């Protein structure tokens, strides 16, 4: 599948794009500056070789010829980015990774926008797109380390069943990542808030806690 990324040069975006390319997805690697995108893709090619041969650098103003687009920009930039590219994102599955968090000492807290979650805010702006959320609880550094398998469950939320299933299929293409259907975007407030809880646990206990279901 061809998958686009906006803001792919950040840690989460670059890592996820590389990980998806390593499992044979083709990735449009977008940045506000195309030279920056090319430089990052060159670095990834130098490090991982043919494992990431499917990455294609481009700027954020590209005509997005991809059915799925991941918003890999940080929470402060995601709404302006969505407004800027709303026409190009029409009729696509748009995946939000953003957690709007603030840190107070050794604790993270969620900052929730007027619509209740970042994902709901994006869907309100992209009313012709099918917005989903995923990858909230997976550390960015783990995506980028292709020599190590990832082990985590990924909750996928979205109002349309087909869009949610598409994102779950993409998630399951990464070995040891297991997608879980979390329902509609109404539940995104819970996931974005839980991200603050999980990061706080990791800081206070100096550990790497993640979401993992137990099969019985």
Foldseek 3Di string as FASTA:
>chain_A
DEEEEEPLLDLQNVLQLLLLLLLPYAYEREAQDQVSQVVSVVVSCVVPNNSNVRYDGDYLPDLDPDQEYEYPDEPVCRVVSCLVCLVSQANHEYEYQYQQWDDDPLFIFGDADPLLHSQSVSCVSNVRHWYKYKDNFPDSNVSNPNVDADAAEMEMATADPVSSVVVQVSQVSRPNYHYDHPYYCVCVNVVSRVSRVQSSCCRVVVHRDHHDDDDD
